[in-house]
Amino acid sequence: GLSYALFLPDGEPDVGVVILHGAGSAKESHFDFARGCRADGMAALAYDARGHGRSEGSFGPTAFQDALAMVTLLRSYAPHVALRGSSMGGFQAIHAAATVDGAGTGGRDVEGPRVCAVVAICPAPEAGLLRFLRSDQRPEFACDADACRPWLESLDIYEAAGRLGPETALLLMHARGDEQVPYTVSERIHEAAREPKRLLILPGGHHRSVQHDEELQATSRKFIRDAARSSF
């Protein structure tokens, strides 16, 4: 029930990236990054989260399992797979990688392939997502609000980040001028995470500026490839 687009290079890829978009967005918004992956000899898979684009169902507690299902799919094309998410996608990427059985000091809930790296761009914490659901604003996507509230209340993105290392490298990128998610969220996540980790706070910008910056996209791809090589 998930709609996805697969980008494969001419040769056999050594690493793949599952791309997770933000709330109200869709997979097509990140085709620029996927094309860059393909040009670099990497595989990429962008998909619509439930309640978005052409995917079935409503966004809710199955989001992490959906992300890991896409990891499993991409593993059939590339031996090492990373997650790259923006905003709500960054939230999903951190949690999905942390919930894989065996992640860090011991994962929970889900059996699945290990993720070699997570790139989280302006990741949205649970508190921000909860405030949005409790506000008078109507989501721009199909969302199971009744199921999402207790689910989000049970999660802690900072604790999840602390379960990623040393087997899953974490790169955080955030614009200081982000008007939706304060850059201090990424600072807190970085502080909670274990090595290997890297934090890039960029001057100015806004909530969507980092994800489409070509130089920062190249930085993400290099980080992912380096993480994959270290896991050989």
Protein backbone atom coordinates (compact mmCIF):
# COMPACT_ATOMS: atom_id res chain seq x y z
CA GLY A 1 0.00 0.00 0.00
CA LEU A 2 3.02 2.33 -0.18
CA SER A 3 3.81 4.23 -3.36
CA TYR A 4 7.52 4.57 -4.06
CA ALA A 5 10.02 5.56 -6.75
CA LEU A 6 13.27 3.65 -7.18
CA PHE A 7 16.44 5.25 -8.54
CA LEU A 8 19.21 2.86 -9.60
CA PRO A 9 22.62 3.72 -11.06
CA ASP A 10 24.03 2.06 -14.18
CA GLY A 11 26.42 -0.10 -12.14
CA GLU A 12 25.77 -2.17 -9.05
CA PRO A 13 25.24 0.20 -6.08
CA ASP A 14 27.31 -0.28 -2.93
CA VAL A 15 24.84 1.62 -0.73
CA GLY A 16 21.22 2.75 -0.84
CA VAL A 17 19.20 5.53 0.76
CA VAL A 18 15.53 5.47 1.76
CA ILE A 19 14.16 9.03 1.60
CA LEU A 20 11.41 10.18 3.98
CA HIS A 21 9.55 13.42 3.28
CA GLY A 22 7.93 15.82 5.73
CA ALA A 23 4.32 16.33 6.79
CA GLY A 24 2.06 17.32 3.91
CA SER A 25 4.79 16.68 1.34
CA ALA A 26 5.37 13.77 -1.06
CA LYS A 27 8.15 11.68 -2.53
CA GLU A 28 8.49 13.89 -5.62
CA SER A 29 9.79 16.74 -3.45
CA HIS A 30 13.02 14.80 -2.92
CA PHE A 31 13.69 13.50 -6.41
CA ASP A 32 16.55 16.02 -6.66
CA PHE A 33 18.40 14.21 -3.87
CA ALA A 34 17.51 10.81 -5.34
CA ARG A 35 18.93 11.81 -8.73
CA GLY A 36 22.12 12.96 -7.00
CA CYS A 37 22.39 9.56 -5.33
CA ARG A 38 22.00 7.80 -8.67
CA ALA A 39 24.68 10.01 -10.25
CA ASP A 40 27.02 9.07 -7.37
CA GLY A 41 26.48 5.36 -7.96
CA MET A 42 24.07 4.94 -5.05
CA ALA A 43 20.55 3.50 -5.06
CA ALA A 44 17.72 5.64 -3.71
CA LEU A 45 14.10 4.97 -2.84
CA ALA A 46 11.65 7.79 -2.13
CA TYR A 47 8.18 6.87 -0.92
CA ASP A 48 4.92 8.52 0.10
CA ALA A 49 4.15 8.14 3.80
CA ARG A 50 0.66 6.88 4.52
CA GLY A 51 -1.90 9.63 4.15
CA HIS A 52 0.31 11.35 1.58
CA GLY A 53 0.65 11.20 -2.19
CA ARG A 54 -0.45 7.90 -3.67
CA SER A 55 0.05 5.69 -0.63
CA GLU A 56 -2.92 4.01 1.03
CA GLY A 57 -4.18 4.50 4.57
CA SER A 58 -3.61 7.25 7.13
CA PHE A 59 -0.44 8.39 8.84
CA GLY A 60 -0.09 6.81 12.27
CA PRO A 61 1.73 4.30 14.48
CA THR A 62 2.78 2.04 11.58
CA ALA A 63 5.11 4.75 10.23
CA PHE A 64 8.32 3.19 11.55
CA GLN A 65 7.42 -0.26 10.25
CA ASP A 66 6.68 1.28 6.85
CA ALA A 67 10.11 2.91 6.78
CA LEU A 68 11.79 -0.37 7.66
CA ALA A 69 9.77 -2.18 4.99
CA MET A 70 11.29 0.23 2.47
CA VAL A 71 14.75 -0.49 3.93
CA THR A 72 14.16 -4.21 3.41
CA LEU A 73 13.05 -3.58 -0.17
CA LEU A 74 16.11 -1.46 -0.98
CA ARG A 75 18.41 -4.05 0.61
CA SER A 76 17.56 -6.30 -2.34
CA TYR A 77 19.43 -3.79 -4.53
CA ALA A 78 22.21 -2.53 -2.22
CA PRO A 79 24.02 -4.28 0.66
CA HIS A 80 23.96 -1.26 2.98
CA VAL A 81 21.01 1.09 3.45
CA ALA A 82 20.64 4.46 5.18
CA LEU A 83 17.64 6.62 6.05
CA ARG A 84 17.43 10.30 5.10
CA GLY A 85 14.47 12.25 6.42
CA SER A 86 13.33 15.86 6.60
CA SER A 87 11.17 17.34 9.38
CA MET A 88 8.57 14.65 10.15
CA GLY A 89 10.67 12.37 7.96
CA GLY A 90 13.67 13.03 10.22
CA PHE A 91 11.56 12.08 13.22
CA GLN A 92 10.60 8.83 11.51
CA ALA A 93 14.16 8.08 10.39
CA ILE A 94 15.64 8.35 13.88
CA HIS A 95 12.90 6.27 15.48
CA ALA A 96 12.78 3.64 12.74
CA ALA A 97 16.53 3.03 12.95
CA ALA A 98 16.38 2.91 16.75
CA THR A 99 13.53 0.39 16.85
CA VAL A 100 15.31 -2.26 14.80
CA ASP A 101 16.02 -5.28 16.99
CA GLY A 102 19.67 -5.06 18.01
CA ALA A 103 20.13 -1.33 17.44
CA GLY A 104 22.67 0.26 19.72
CA THR A 105 22.56 -1.23 23.20
CA GLY A 106 19.48 -3.23 22.33
CA GLY A 107 16.59 -2.29 20.13
CA ARG A 108 12.94 -2.98 20.70
CA ASP A 109 9.74 -3.98 18.98
CA VAL A 110 10.90 -4.68 15.43
CA GLU A 111 13.11 -7.22 13.70
CA GLY A 112 14.72 -5.89 10.57
CA PRO A 113 17.89 -4.98 8.71
CA ARG A 114 20.29 -2.65 10.46
CA VAL A 115 20.47 0.89 9.11
CA CYS A 116 24.07 2.02 8.50
CA ALA A 117 23.32 5.74 8.84
CA VAL A 118 20.59 8.28 9.54
CA VAL A 119 20.56 11.77 8.06
CA ALA A 120 17.98 13.90 9.87
CA ILE A 121 17.26 17.36 8.47
CA CYS A 122 15.42 19.75 10.79
CA PRO A 123 13.85 16.75 12.59
CA ALA A 124 10.49 17.41 14.23
CA PRO A 125 10.18 16.20 17.85
CA GLU A 126 7.08 14.48 19.20
CA ALA A 127 6.11 17.55 21.22
CA GLY A 128 5.84 19.67 18.09
CA LEU A 129 3.79 17.06 16.26
CA LEU A 130 1.50 16.73 19.27
CA ARG A 131 0.98 20.50 19.49
CA PHE A 132 -0.03 20.50 15.85
CA LEU A 133 -2.55 17.68 16.37
CA ARG A 134 -4.03 19.44 19.41
CA SER A 135 -4.36 22.77 17.62
CA ASP A 136 -7.28 23.92 15.51
CA GLN A 137 -5.24 23.43 12.35
CA ARG A 138 -6.35 20.65 10.04
CA PRO A 139 -3.53 18.42 8.77
CA GLU A 140 -2.76 18.66 5.06
CA PHE A 141 -2.73 14.86 4.96
CA ALA A 142 -4.79 11.91 6.14
CA CYS A 143 -3.89 11.29 9.77
CA ASP A 144 -5.33 8.95 12.40
CA ALA A 145 -5.27 11.60 15.13
CA ASP A 146 -6.87 9.38 17.78
CA ALA A 147 -4.15 6.73 17.33
CA CYS A 148 -1.34 9.26 16.87
CA ARG A 149 -1.80 11.09 20.17
CA PRO A 150 -1.03 8.18 22.57
CA TRP A 151 1.62 6.88 20.15
CA LEU A 152 3.47 10.20 20.07
CA GLU A 153 3.13 10.58 23.83
CA SER A 154 4.93 7.24 24.27
CA LEU A 155 7.96 8.30 22.20
CA ASP A 156 11.14 10.24 22.98
CA ILE A 157 13.31 11.24 20.01
CA TYR A 158 16.25 12.07 22.29
CA GLU A 159 16.18 8.64 23.92
CA ALA A 160 15.83 7.03 20.48
CA ALA A 161 18.88 8.90 19.18
CA GLY A 162 20.86 7.56 22.12
CA ARG A 163 20.24 4.00 20.91
CA LEU A 164 21.68 4.49 17.41
CA GLY A 165 25.46 4.35 17.87
CA PRO A 166 27.90 2.78 17.41
CA GLU A 167 26.45 0.72 14.55
CA THR A 168 24.31 3.50 13.07
CA ALA A 169 25.96 6.85 12.31
CA LEU A 170 23.88 10.00 12.77
CA LEU A 171 24.14 13.25 10.80
CA LEU A 172 21.97 16.16 11.90
CA MET A 173 21.55 19.25 9.72
CA HIS A 174 19.49 22.26 10.72
CA ALA A 175 19.04 25.84 9.54
CA ARG A 176 19.45 28.39 12.30
CA GLY A 177 16.62 30.38 10.71
CA ASP A 178 14.16 27.46 10.80
CA GLU A 179 10.77 29.00 11.59
CA GLN A 180 9.01 25.70 12.36
CA VAL A 181 11.46 23.52 14.31
CA PRO A 182 14.06 25.37 16.45
CA TYR A 183 17.66 24.42 15.65
CA THR A 184 18.13 23.71 19.36
CA VAL A 185 16.15 20.49 18.80
CA SER A 186 18.99 19.12 16.69
CA GLU A 187 21.51 20.32 19.27
CA ARG A 188 19.67 18.34 21.96
CA ILE A 189 19.43 15.25 19.75
CA HIS A 190 23.15 15.46 19.01
CA GLU A 191 23.94 15.77 22.70
CA ALA A 192 21.84 12.68 23.47
CA ALA A 193 23.28 10.59 20.64
CA ARG A 194 26.38 8.41 20.78
CA GLU A 195 29.26 8.35 18.33
CA PRO A 196 29.54 8.29 15.38
CA LYS A 197 27.60 11.52 15.03
CA ARG A 198 27.89 14.93 13.38
CA LEU A 199 25.92 18.17 13.77
CA LEU A 200 25.76 20.94 11.16
CA ILE A 201 23.92 24.13 12.10
CA LEU A 202 23.73 26.39 9.05
CA PRO A 203 23.40 30.19 9.28
CA GLY A 204 20.13 31.74 8.13
CA GLY A 205 17.94 29.59 5.95
CA HIS A 206 14.46 28.29 6.71
CA HIS A 207 12.68 24.99 7.38
CA ARG A 208 13.12 23.66 3.83
CA SER A 209 16.35 25.31 2.73
CA VAL A 210 18.79 22.64 3.91
CA GLN A 211 17.16 19.68 2.20
CA HIS A 212 17.55 21.13 -1.31
CA ASP A 213 21.04 22.64 -0.96
CA GLU A 214 23.25 20.76 -3.46
CA GLU A 215 26.42 21.09 -1.37
CA LEU A 216 24.67 19.76 1.72
CA GLN A 217 23.13 16.94 -0.30
CA ALA A 218 26.65 15.94 -1.35
CA THR A 219 27.72 16.11 2.30
CA SER A 220 24.88 13.74 3.18
CA ARG A 221 25.85 11.25 0.50
CA LYS A 222 29.50 11.24 1.58
CA PHE A 223 28.48 10.72 5.21
CA ILE A 224 26.28 7.78 4.23
CA ARG A 225 28.93 6.16 2.05
CA ASP A 226 31.59 6.56 4.77
CA ALA A 227 29.23 4.97 7.31
CA ALA A 228 28.53 2.08 4.94
CA ARG A 229 32.24 1.45 4.37
CA SER A 230 32.95 1.39 8.09
CA SER A 231 30.36 -1.38 8.49
CA PHE A 232 32.00 -3.78 6.01
